[in-house]
Protein backbone atom coordinates (compact mmCIF):
# COMPACT_ATOMS: atom_id res chain seq x y z
CA GLY A 1 17.63 71.48 31.61
CA ASN A 2 17.65 68.20 30.10
CA ASN A 3 14.10 66.99 29.62
CA ALA A 4 13.87 63.37 28.56
CA THR A 5 10.70 61.91 27.24
CA THR A 6 10.03 58.28 27.86
CA LYS A 7 7.61 56.47 25.62
CA VAL A 8 6.03 53.31 26.86
CA GLN A 9 4.34 51.06 24.35
CA TYR A 10 1.96 48.30 25.26
CA PHE A 11 1.34 45.34 23.07
CA THR A 12 -1.52 42.95 23.31
CA VAL A 13 -0.58 39.53 22.04
CA ILE A 14 -3.44 37.53 20.68
CA THR A 15 -2.69 33.94 19.88
CA THR A 16 -4.94 32.38 17.34
CA PRO A 17 -4.76 28.68 16.89
CA GLY A 18 -3.36 27.56 13.57
CA PRO A 19 -5.22 25.21 11.35
CA PRO A 20 -5.83 21.85 12.97
CA SER A 21 -3.64 19.02 11.82
CA LEU A 22 -5.38 17.05 9.13
CA PRO A 23 -6.20 13.38 9.62
CA THR A 24 -3.65 10.98 8.15
CA VAL A 25 -3.66 7.60 6.42
CA THR A 26 -0.64 5.34 6.93
CA VAL A 27 -0.42 2.17 4.85
CA ASP A 28 0.79 -0.63 7.15
CA GLU A 29 0.79 -3.63 4.83
CA VAL A 30 0.03 -4.52 1.23
CA LEU A 31 -0.01 -8.06 -0.06
CA VAL A 32 -1.49 -9.80 -3.04
CA ASP A 33 -3.05 -13.23 -2.59
CA SER A 34 -4.15 -15.07 -5.74
CA GLY A 35 -4.76 -11.78 -7.55
CA VAL A 36 -6.57 -10.06 -4.65
CA ILE A 37 -4.87 -6.90 -3.34
CA LYS A 38 -5.14 -6.72 0.47
CA ILE A 39 -4.34 -3.41 2.16
CA ASN A 40 -4.16 -2.69 5.89
CA ALA A 41 -3.92 0.97 6.91
CA THR A 42 -4.04 3.09 10.07
CA LEU A 43 -6.16 6.25 10.18
CA SER A 44 -5.20 8.94 12.72
CA SER A 45 -6.55 12.33 13.75
CA SER A 46 -6.77 14.66 16.75
CA ALA A 47 -10.55 14.16 16.54
CA THR A 48 -12.59 10.96 16.26
CA ILE A 49 -12.32 9.28 12.86
CA THR A 50 -15.81 9.18 11.33
CA GLY A 51 -15.21 7.43 8.02
CA ALA A 52 -12.89 6.36 5.24
CA GLN A 53 -13.03 5.91 1.49
CA TYR A 54 -11.01 4.45 -1.33
CA ALA A 55 -11.07 4.99 -5.07
CA ILE A 56 -9.35 3.35 -8.00
CA ASP A 57 -8.03 5.72 -10.65
CA ASP A 58 -10.70 8.35 -11.29
CA SER A 59 -13.67 6.29 -10.07
CA SER A 60 -16.12 7.63 -7.50
CA PRO A 61 -14.96 6.98 -3.94
CA THR A 62 -16.25 3.85 -2.20
CA ASN A 63 -17.08 4.17 1.50
CA ILE A 64 -15.36 1.76 3.85
CA PRO A 65 -18.37 0.94 6.06
CA SER A 66 -16.44 0.18 9.23
CA PRO A 67 -12.91 -0.19 10.55
CA ILE A 68 -11.53 -3.56 11.64
CA ASP A 69 -12.89 -3.13 15.20
CA GLY A 70 -16.43 -2.57 13.86
CA LYS A 71 -17.09 1.12 14.61
CA TYR A 72 -15.54 4.51 13.84
CA ASP A 73 -15.26 5.78 17.43
CA SER A 74 -11.61 6.57 18.08
CA THR A 75 -8.85 8.96 17.02
CA THR A 76 -6.96 5.98 15.61
CA GLU A 77 -8.63 3.31 13.50
CA LYS A 78 -7.37 0.42 11.40
CA ILE A 79 -9.00 -0.48 8.08
CA HIS A 80 -8.74 -3.39 5.66
CA ILE A 81 -9.43 -3.11 1.92
CA GLU A 82 -9.57 -5.96 -0.61
CA ILE A 83 -9.57 -5.36 -4.36
CA ASP A 84 -9.89 -8.18 -6.90
CA ALA A 85 -7.26 -7.30 -9.51
CA HIS A 86 -8.63 -9.83 -12.03
CA SER A 87 -10.90 -7.13 -13.50
CA TYR A 88 -7.98 -4.74 -14.15
CA LYS A 89 -5.18 -4.61 -16.72
CA ASN A 90 -2.02 -2.52 -16.77
CA LEU A 91 -1.16 0.35 -14.38
CA HIS A 92 -3.66 1.73 -11.83
CA LYS A 93 -3.73 3.75 -8.60
CA ILE A 94 -5.63 3.12 -5.38
CA TYR A 95 -6.43 6.22 -3.32
CA ILE A 96 -7.38 6.14 0.39
CA ARG A 97 -8.57 8.97 2.66
CA CYS A 98 -10.37 9.43 5.98
CA THR A 99 -12.52 12.09 7.65
CA ASP A 100 -12.88 13.14 11.28
CA ALA A 101 -15.58 14.54 13.56
CA GLN A 102 -14.40 18.11 12.93
CA GLY A 103 -15.21 17.66 9.24
CA TYR A 104 -11.60 17.52 8.06
CA SER A 105 -10.40 15.00 5.48
CA SER A 106 -6.92 13.62 5.06
CA GLN A 107 -4.98 13.99 1.86
CA TRP A 108 -5.48 11.09 -0.54
CA THR A 109 -2.80 8.45 0.04
CA SER A 110 -2.02 6.58 -3.17
CA LEU A 111 -0.61 3.18 -4.10
CA SER A 112 0.15 1.97 -7.60
CA PHE A 113 -0.49 -1.50 -8.97
CA ASN A 114 0.23 -3.07 -12.34
CA VAL A 115 -1.74 -6.09 -13.57
CA ARG A 116 -0.29 -8.35 -16.25
CA SER A 117 -1.68 -11.50 -17.81
CA LEU A 118 0.49 -14.57 -17.51
CA ALA A 119 0.12 -17.64 -19.72
CA LYS A 120 0.16 -21.30 -18.76
CA ARG A 121 3.71 -22.71 -18.65
CA TYR A 122 6.84 -20.53 -18.52
CA ASN A 123 6.74 -16.73 -18.19
CA LEU A 124 9.72 -14.39 -17.89
CA ILE A 125 8.74 -11.52 -15.59
CA ALA A 126 10.32 -8.49 -13.89
CA LEU A 127 8.82 -6.11 -11.34
CA THR A 128 8.01 -2.69 -12.79
CA LEU A 129 6.97 -1.05 -9.49
CA THR A 130 8.86 -1.00 -6.20
CA PRO A 131 7.09 -3.27 -3.67
CA PRO A 132 6.00 -1.55 -0.43
CA SER A 133 8.20 -3.95 1.58
CA THR A 134 10.65 -6.79 1.06
CA TYR A 135 9.27 -9.08 -1.63
CA THR A 136 10.38 -12.70 -2.02
CA ALA A 137 9.78 -15.70 -4.29
CA LYS A 138 7.27 -16.96 -1.70
CA ASP A 139 5.40 -13.62 -1.88
CA LEU A 140 5.43 -13.74 -5.69
CA ALA A 141 3.97 -17.26 -5.66
CA ARG A 142 1.24 -16.17 -3.21
CA SER A 143 0.45 -13.15 -5.43
CA ILE A 144 -0.12 -15.39 -8.44
CA GLY A 145 -1.93 -18.17 -6.60
CA SER A 146 -1.96 -21.95 -6.77
CA SER A 147 -1.13 -22.09 -10.48
CA ALA A 148 2.46 -20.96 -9.71
CA THR A 149 4.57 -24.10 -9.28
CA LEU A 150 8.09 -22.67 -9.75
CA ILE A 151 9.82 -19.32 -9.31
CA ALA A 152 13.40 -19.36 -10.67
CA ARG A 153 16.22 -16.88 -11.05
CA TRP A 154 19.65 -16.92 -12.62
CA ASN A 155 22.51 -16.71 -10.11
CA PRO A 156 25.44 -15.00 -11.89
CA ALA A 157 27.90 -15.98 -9.12
CA THR A 158 27.28 -19.73 -9.47
CA GLN A 159 26.23 -19.61 -13.15
CA LYS A 160 23.18 -21.73 -12.25
CA PHE A 161 19.46 -21.31 -11.84
CA ALA A 162 18.05 -21.23 -8.31
CA GLY A 163 14.44 -22.28 -7.90
CA TYR A 164 11.70 -21.93 -5.32
CA VAL A 165 8.79 -24.40 -5.36
CA PRO A 166 5.79 -23.05 -3.40
CA GLY A 167 4.78 -25.33 -0.56
CA LEU A 168 7.82 -27.60 -0.98
CA SER A 169 11.02 -25.56 -0.89
CA PRO A 170 12.66 -24.95 2.50
CA ILE A 171 12.89 -21.35 3.70
CA GLU A 172 16.59 -21.23 2.71
CA GLN A 173 15.57 -21.47 -0.96
CA ASN A 174 13.29 -18.44 -0.72
CA PHE A 175 15.03 -15.47 -2.35
CA PRO A 176 14.36 -11.74 -2.78
CA ILE A 177 12.56 -10.50 -5.89
CA ASN A 178 14.32 -7.31 -6.96
CA LEU A 179 13.04 -4.49 -9.13
CA GLY A 180 14.33 -4.78 -12.70
CA GLU A 181 15.68 -8.34 -12.47
CA GLY A 182 14.21 -11.19 -14.52
CA TYR A 183 12.52 -14.30 -13.07
CA PHE A 184 11.02 -17.39 -14.63
CA VAL A 185 7.58 -18.34 -13.37
CA TYR A 186 6.01 -21.69 -14.29
CA LEU A 187 2.21 -21.84 -14.20
CA THR A 188 -0.21 -24.76 -14.51
CA SER A 189 -2.92 -22.38 -15.85
CA ASP A 190 -3.32 -18.80 -17.06
CA SER A 191 -3.12 -16.21 -14.27
CA ILE A 192 -2.37 -12.56 -13.50
CA LEU A 193 0.41 -10.77 -11.70
């Protein structure tokens, strides 16, 4: 008498695909040239990228008509955006997104920019936002434009000023521009930063 009962259970495993990965926007480079913000970004998706947009603050999105290669026809595309900062003052945000052939949109990728008016002659400035990459006196001069004729900083170790003259100074005189430190900028005319 020992009767044992064996139960056998069968399971059916159904795998349902999770949500597709959303397209992404990766900012590759940002530079400012004479008050014009120039942004290069890479758009990626598992499906063909079909478009991209940017917006400034809460403005309506602006379509980016085509990527750098001329046509949205790949899962990876590169775009270029130029924004003339002369029509802005103070702190703003640029938002970028892309869409793919499956109808999915990336999250908005954002960048901040701060526009300040600079007067002819000497200005004492400091960066208020962290640059997206290493930023130097040469970059600062390019951001301002041809009116910038001197970028100078105080060197506490030598107790002297060190200067960079755009177009004339050798590369050894180019120095990093650091967040929160003060720099003198000499301008031949009013400009923006």
